[in-house]
Structures are given as C-alpha cells and as structure tokens.
C-alpha cells in the first residue's frame, strides 16, 4: 500500500511541483516504507534507494529560505540516522539542525537533541554535551519518559567520548 501511495503522490508532485503538501506526503510515505522494509535485510538495496529519493526530495526544500520545520527536521534526522554510512552526513545536517533550533527558539528538546547528535557527529563533543543538557532541562524533572531516557543515553555516549571541539 505504501508503494501505491508513493506512486500516486509522486504523480501528484510531478503535476504540481510547488505543492508542499504533496512533497511532505511523499517524503513521509518513503520514510514509512523504508522503515518497514529495513526490518528485512534482503531489502537493503530498496531501503537505500528510498532513502536516497527522500534525501533528494528534501534537499531542495530545506535549501529554500522559507523551508518548513517538518522538512528541515526530516532532512536532519535522515542525515544523522540513515543506516547507510555513505549517505549519513552530520556535517551537512549541522547547519540545518542549527536552523531548526533557531526556528523553535531553543524550546524543543527533540530538535536540540538532533543538534547535539550533529555536533557530536562532527567531533564537537563539548558542544554536544551542552546542547543535550539544554534539551534535558526542558523536560519535567520527575519524568521517566522514553524521550528522557533517549536523551540521557545520548548524553552518556557523548560523555564517554574523548572531548574535542574540532570539526570533521
């Protein structure tokens, strides 16, 4: 069904290339299909192709001055978490993660977490620790949410790494 929706949404995008809702729907469908197929190792080539297509669709959207929060966050997340080493690029994600943090006025812990992951990915460990601490400070202190556990795990990973402020 996701393949059918992707084909239909791709057709709609081709007919109306400026329609941002079609673009968002297409990206979301590609991402869901890739996530579903990723559980099947035999589908790795297909997952890679879907990931590449999502990145190709997102790149011109995030480069626009009026890029939306959704597009920026999807792009950053894919650039940081794709299982394909040659497609992953914390360096490319970093300026967009910084933009996302500015757009959310440093009030979204998930966005701050993405920035921390990008900073860590380029070797800015101390900055990543500071950013992750800001993200954690936005969560209720007595919370034991999945998000808190995830951010705390990232913070432990950052702290276990040798400190550096150099970019890669």
Protein backbone atom coordinates (compact mmCIF):
# COMPACT_ATOMS: atom_id res chain seq x y z
CA UNK A 1 0.00 0.00 0.00
CA UNK A 2 2.86 2.38 0.78
CA UNK A 3 4.26 1.76 -2.70
CA UNK A 4 0.91 2.62 -4.26
CA UNK A 5 0.64 5.78 -2.17
CA UNK A 6 4.22 6.73 -3.11
CA UNK A 7 3.45 6.30 -6.83
CA UNK A 8 0.25 8.32 -6.52
CA UNK A 9 1.90 11.09 -4.51
CA UNK A 10 4.85 11.17 -6.92
CA UNK A 11 2.39 11.67 -9.79
CA UNK A 12 0.69 14.50 -7.90
CA UNK A 13 4.09 16.11 -7.25
CA UNK A 14 5.00 15.87 -10.92
CA UNK A 15 1.73 17.57 -11.85
CA UNK A 16 2.17 20.29 -9.22
CA UNK A 17 5.86 20.54 -8.24
CA UNK A 18 5.32 23.55 -5.97
CA UNK A 19 2.71 21.86 -3.78
CA UNK A 20 4.48 21.43 -0.46
CA UNK A 21 1.81 19.15 0.98
CA UNK A 22 2.40 16.64 -1.81
CA UNK A 23 6.12 16.84 -1.09
CA UNK A 24 5.59 16.26 2.64
CA UNK A 25 3.25 13.34 1.96
CA UNK A 26 5.75 11.81 -0.47
CA UNK A 27 8.62 12.10 1.99
CA UNK A 28 6.53 10.66 4.83
CA UNK A 29 5.45 7.73 2.65
CA UNK A 30 9.02 6.99 1.53
CA UNK A 31 10.19 7.11 5.14
CA UNK A 32 7.47 4.77 6.38
CA UNK A 33 8.10 2.32 3.55
CA UNK A 34 11.86 2.40 4.22
CA UNK A 35 11.29 1.81 7.94
CA UNK A 36 9.01 -1.12 7.19
CA UNK A 37 11.45 -2.70 4.74
CA UNK A 38 14.51 -2.07 6.92
CA UNK A 39 13.47 -4.99 9.12
CA UNK A 40 14.11 -7.27 6.13
CA UNK A 41 17.87 -7.46 5.39
CA UNK A 42 17.19 -8.77 1.87
CA UNK A 43 15.53 -5.41 1.11
CA UNK A 44 18.60 -3.29 1.89
CA UNK A 45 19.03 -2.07 -1.69
CA UNK A 46 15.41 -0.96 -1.83
CA UNK A 47 15.67 0.80 1.53
CA UNK A 48 18.78 2.58 0.29
CA UNK A 49 17.02 3.72 -2.90
CA UNK A 50 14.07 5.02 -0.86
CA UNK A 51 16.42 6.85 1.50
CA UNK A 52 18.28 8.42 -1.42
CA UNK A 53 15.00 9.51 -3.01
CA UNK A 54 13.78 11.03 0.27
CA UNK A 55 17.06 12.95 0.65
CA UNK A 56 16.92 14.12 -2.98
CA UNK A 57 13.36 15.35 -2.46
CA UNK A 58 14.18 17.05 0.83
CA UNK A 59 17.42 18.77 -0.18
CA UNK A 60 15.92 21.50 -2.39
CA UNK A 61 13.12 22.04 0.12
CA UNK A 62 15.45 22.67 3.05
CA UNK A 63 17.65 24.94 0.96
CA UNK A 64 14.76 27.37 0.48
CA UNK A 65 14.69 30.44 2.75
CA UNK A 66 11.09 29.59 3.70
CA UNK A 67 11.83 25.95 4.50
CA UNK A 68 9.30 24.50 6.92
CA UNK A 69 10.05 22.90 10.26
CA UNK A 70 8.89 19.47 9.08
CA UNK A 71 11.18 19.40 6.05
CA UNK A 72 14.19 20.62 7.99
CA UNK A 73 13.69 18.15 10.82
CA UNK A 74 13.11 15.22 8.45
CA UNK A 75 16.25 16.09 6.48
CA UNK A 76 18.40 16.42 9.60
CA UNK A 77 17.05 13.21 11.09
CA UNK A 78 17.68 11.24 7.90
CA UNK A 79 21.18 12.69 7.50
CA UNK A 80 22.01 11.69 11.08
CA UNK A 81 20.33 8.30 11.37
CA UNK A 82 20.35 6.62 7.97
CA UNK A 83 21.92 3.17 8.26
CA UNK A 84 23.95 3.86 5.11
CA UNK A 85 27.33 5.28 6.08
CA UNK A 86 27.92 6.96 2.73
CA UNK A 87 24.57 8.79 2.92
CA UNK A 88 24.94 9.86 6.57
CA UNK A 89 26.45 13.31 7.00
CA UNK A 90 26.47 15.12 10.32
CA UNK A 91 28.41 17.93 8.63
CA UNK A 92 25.61 18.53 6.11
CA UNK A 93 22.98 18.15 8.84
CA UNK A 94 24.61 20.60 11.26
CA UNK A 95 23.63 23.94 9.67
CA UNK A 96 20.07 22.73 9.21
CA UNK A 97 19.92 21.48 12.80
CA UNK A 98 21.11 24.92 13.92
CA UNK A 99 18.39 26.50 11.77
CA UNK A 100 15.76 24.20 13.30
CA UNK A 101 16.88 25.18 16.80
CA UNK A 102 16.61 28.87 15.90
CA UNK A 103 13.14 28.33 14.44
CA UNK A 104 11.98 26.61 17.63
CA UNK A 105 13.65 29.25 19.80
CA UNK A 106 15.57 26.51 21.66
CA UNK A 107 12.29 25.23 23.15
CA UNK A 108 12.00 21.79 21.52
CA UNK A 109 14.03 19.04 23.24
CA UNK A 110 13.88 16.76 20.17
CA UNK A 111 15.29 19.48 17.93
CA UNK A 112 18.03 20.25 20.45
CA UNK A 113 18.80 16.53 20.56
CA UNK A 114 19.22 16.49 16.77
CA UNK A 115 21.61 19.43 17.04
CA UNK A 116 23.57 17.60 19.74
CA UNK A 117 23.80 14.50 17.55
CA UNK A 118 25.04 16.59 14.62
CA UNK A 119 27.58 18.37 16.83
CA UNK A 120 28.80 15.04 18.19
CA UNK A 121 28.96 13.63 14.67
CA UNK A 122 31.37 16.37 13.57
CA UNK A 123 33.51 15.98 16.66
CA UNK A 124 32.17 18.90 18.71
CA UNK A 125 31.73 16.76 21.80
CA UNK A 126 31.70 19.54 24.41
CA UNK A 127 29.08 21.49 22.44
CA UNK A 128 27.02 18.30 22.05
CA UNK A 129 27.07 17.76 25.82
CA UNK A 130 25.97 21.37 26.46
CA UNK A 131 23.18 21.11 23.89
CA UNK A 132 21.94 17.78 25.25
CA UNK A 133 21.86 19.25 28.76
CA UNK A 134 19.69 22.11 27.43
CA UNK A 135 17.35 19.56 25.87
CA UNK A 136 17.09 17.59 29.10
CA UNK A 137 16.42 20.78 31.08
CA UNK A 138 13.27 21.31 29.00
CA UNK A 139 11.76 18.02 30.20
CA UNK A 140 9.96 17.69 33.52
CA UNK A 141 12.49 16.70 36.21
CA UNK A 142 10.43 13.77 37.51
CA UNK A 143 9.69 12.45 34.03
CA UNK A 144 10.72 8.93 33.10
CA UNK A 145 9.61 9.25 29.51
CA UNK A 146 11.12 7.43 26.55
CA UNK A 147 12.39 10.80 25.34
CA UNK A 148 14.21 11.48 28.62
CA UNK A 149 15.78 8.00 28.53
CA UNK A 150 16.88 8.55 24.93
CA UNK A 151 18.44 11.95 25.67
CA UNK A 152 20.17 10.61 28.78
CA UNK A 153 21.58 7.70 26.74
CA UNK A 154 22.91 10.16 24.17
CA UNK A 155 24.45 12.28 26.93
CA UNK A 156 26.21 9.19 28.35
CA UNK A 157 27.52 8.37 24.87
CA UNK A 158 28.81 11.93 24.41
CA UNK A 159 30.49 11.97 27.82
CA UNK A 160 32.16 8.61 27.15
CA UNK A 161 33.80 10.05 24.04
CA UNK A 162 37.13 11.88 24.19
CA UNK A 163 36.47 15.65 24.36
CA UNK A 164 37.24 17.71 21.29
CA UNK A 165 35.96 20.88 19.68
CA UNK A 166 37.37 20.23 16.23
CA UNK A 167 35.02 19.71 13.32
CA UNK A 168 35.44 16.75 10.98
